[in-house]
């Protein structure tokens, strides 16, 4: 898994037979546009079997810029 060279975040997802309890990956035209947690998902969104594993990858410089200095 590698971050996009133009910046951004790489998100590891997986498709499960039973995704109950996990955040669903919302896509538009194949691109990830959001993560909807199970408790907040509509019945239609709960039919999505692609879930967020919680594993992300990003360029270190971008990550530092996004997070700012620890305080």
C-alpha atoms as a PDB file:
ATOM      1  CA  UNK A   1       0.000   0.000   0.000  1.00  0.00           C
ATOM      2  CA  UNK A   2       1.485   3.352  -1.026  1.00  0.00           C
ATOM      3  CA  UNK A   3       0.213   6.916  -0.646  1.00  0.00           C
ATOM      4  CA  UNK A   4      -0.688   8.783  -3.795  1.00  0.00           C
ATOM      5  CA  UNK A   5       2.357  10.748  -4.978  1.00  0.00           C
ATOM      6  CA  UNK A   6       0.137  13.815  -5.377  1.00  0.00           C
ATOM      7  CA  UNK A   7      -0.690  13.688  -1.693  1.00  0.00           C
ATOM      8  CA  UNK A   8      -3.691  12.313   0.071  1.00  0.00           C
ATOM      9  CA  UNK A   9      -4.321   9.252   2.148  1.00  0.00           C
ATOM     10  CA  UNK A  10      -4.340   5.582   1.232  1.00  0.00           C
ATOM     11  CA  UNK A  11      -7.098   3.612   2.955  1.00  0.00           C
ATOM     12  CA  UNK A  12      -7.032  -0.166   3.333  1.00  0.00           C
ATOM     13  CA  UNK A  13     -10.500  -1.663   2.903  1.00  0.00           C
ATOM     14  CA  UNK A  14     -11.822  -5.214   2.794  1.00  0.00           C
ATOM     15  CA  UNK A  15     -15.059  -6.826   1.640  1.00  0.00           C
ATOM     16  CA  UNK A  16     -16.723  -9.039   4.250  1.00  0.00           C
ATOM     17  CA  UNK A  17     -19.582 -11.498   3.992  1.00  0.00           C
ATOM     18  CA  UNK A  18     -20.973 -10.028   7.232  1.00  0.00           C
ATOM     19  CA  UNK A  19     -19.857  -6.405   7.758  1.00  0.00           C
ATOM     20  CA  UNK A  20     -22.112  -5.871  10.793  1.00  0.00           C
ATOM     21  CA  UNK A  21     -20.609  -3.366  13.205  1.00  0.00           C
ATOM     22  CA  UNK A  22     -18.018  -1.923  10.832  1.00  0.00           C
ATOM     23  CA  UNK A  23     -17.788   1.444   9.078  1.00  0.00           C
ATOM     24  CA  UNK A  24     -18.902   1.161   5.443  1.00  0.00           C
ATOM     25  CA  UNK A  25     -16.962   2.689   2.564  1.00  0.00           C
ATOM     26  CA  UNK A  26     -19.081   5.172   0.608  1.00  0.00           C
ATOM     27  CA  UNK A  27     -17.987   5.547  -3.016  1.00  0.00           C
ATOM     28  CA  UNK A  28     -18.995   7.720  -5.957  1.00  0.00           C
ATOM     29  CA  UNK A  29     -17.698   6.744  -9.396  1.00  0.00           C
ATOM     30  CA  UNK A  30     -15.267   4.348  -7.732  1.00  0.00           C
ATOM     31  CA  UNK A  31     -13.691   6.975  -5.482  1.00  0.00           C
ATOM     32  CA  UNK A  32     -13.977   6.884  -1.698  1.00  0.00           C
ATOM     33  CA  UNK A  33     -16.080   9.829  -0.548  1.00  0.00           C
ATOM     34  CA  UNK A  34     -16.669   8.846   3.051  1.00  0.00           C
ATOM     35  CA  UNK A  35     -16.891   6.269   5.782  1.00  0.00           C
ATOM     36  CA  UNK A  36     -20.281   5.681   7.388  1.00  0.00           C
ATOM     37  CA  UNK A  37     -20.214   4.009  10.786  1.00  0.00           C
ATOM     38  CA  UNK A  38     -22.624   1.096  11.215  1.00  0.00           C
ATOM     39  CA  UNK A  39     -24.726   2.864  13.856  1.00  0.00           C
ATOM     40  CA  UNK A  40     -25.186   5.863  11.529  1.00  0.00           C
ATOM     41  CA  UNK A  41     -25.758   3.905   8.310  1.00  0.00           C
ATOM     42  CA  UNK A  42     -29.079   3.773   6.518  1.00  0.00           C
ATOM     43  CA  UNK A  43     -30.548   0.407   5.526  1.00  0.00           C
ATOM     44  CA  UNK A  44     -29.175   0.947   2.011  1.00  0.00           C
ATOM     45  CA  UNK A  45     -25.679   1.781   3.328  1.00  0.00           C
ATOM     46  CA  UNK A  46     -25.738  -1.310   5.545  1.00  0.00           C
ATOM     47  CA  UNK A  47     -25.943  -3.410   2.368  1.00  0.00           C
ATOM     48  CA  UNK A  48     -22.402  -2.247   1.485  1.00  0.00           C
ATOM     49  CA  UNK A  49     -19.938  -5.003   2.333  1.00  0.00           C
ATOM     50  CA  UNK A  50     -16.722  -2.979   1.855  1.00  0.00           C
ATOM     51  CA  UNK A  51     -15.480  -1.805   5.242  1.00  0.00           C
ATOM     52  CA  UNK A  52     -12.827   0.412   6.785  1.00  0.00           C
ATOM     53  CA  UNK A  53      -9.991  -1.613   8.366  1.00  0.00           C
ATOM     54  CA  UNK A  54      -8.665   1.446  10.200  1.00  0.00           C
ATOM     55  CA  UNK A  55      -5.311   1.182   8.419  1.00  0.00           C
ATOM     56  CA  UNK A  56      -4.221   4.372   6.659  1.00  0.00           C
ATOM     57  CA  UNK A  57      -1.030   5.406   4.905  1.00  0.00           C
ATOM     58  CA  UNK A  58       0.111   8.928   4.122  1.00  0.00           C
ATOM     59  CA  UNK A  59       3.240  10.810   3.207  1.00  0.00           C
ATOM     60  CA  UNK A  60       5.027  11.895   6.396  1.00  0.00           C
ATOM     61  CA  UNK A  61       5.307  15.547   5.334  1.00  0.00           C
ATOM     62  CA  UNK A  62       1.581  15.698   4.530  1.00  0.00           C
ATOM     63  CA  UNK A  63       0.701  14.032   7.823  1.00  0.00           C
ATOM     64  CA  UNK A  64       2.762  16.534   9.815  1.00  0.00           C
ATOM     65  CA  UNK A  65       1.096  19.418   7.992  1.00  0.00           C
ATOM     66  CA  UNK A  66      -2.416  18.028   8.571  1.00  0.00           C
ATOM     67  CA  UNK A  67      -1.874  17.273  12.251  1.00  0.00           C
ATOM     68  CA  UNK A  68       0.194  20.297  13.176  1.00  0.00           C
ATOM     69  CA  UNK A  69       2.565  20.289  16.105  1.00  0.00           C
ATOM     70  CA  UNK A  70       1.719  18.057  19.067  1.00  0.00           C
ATOM     71  CA  UNK A  71       0.761  20.173  21.938  1.00  0.00           C
END
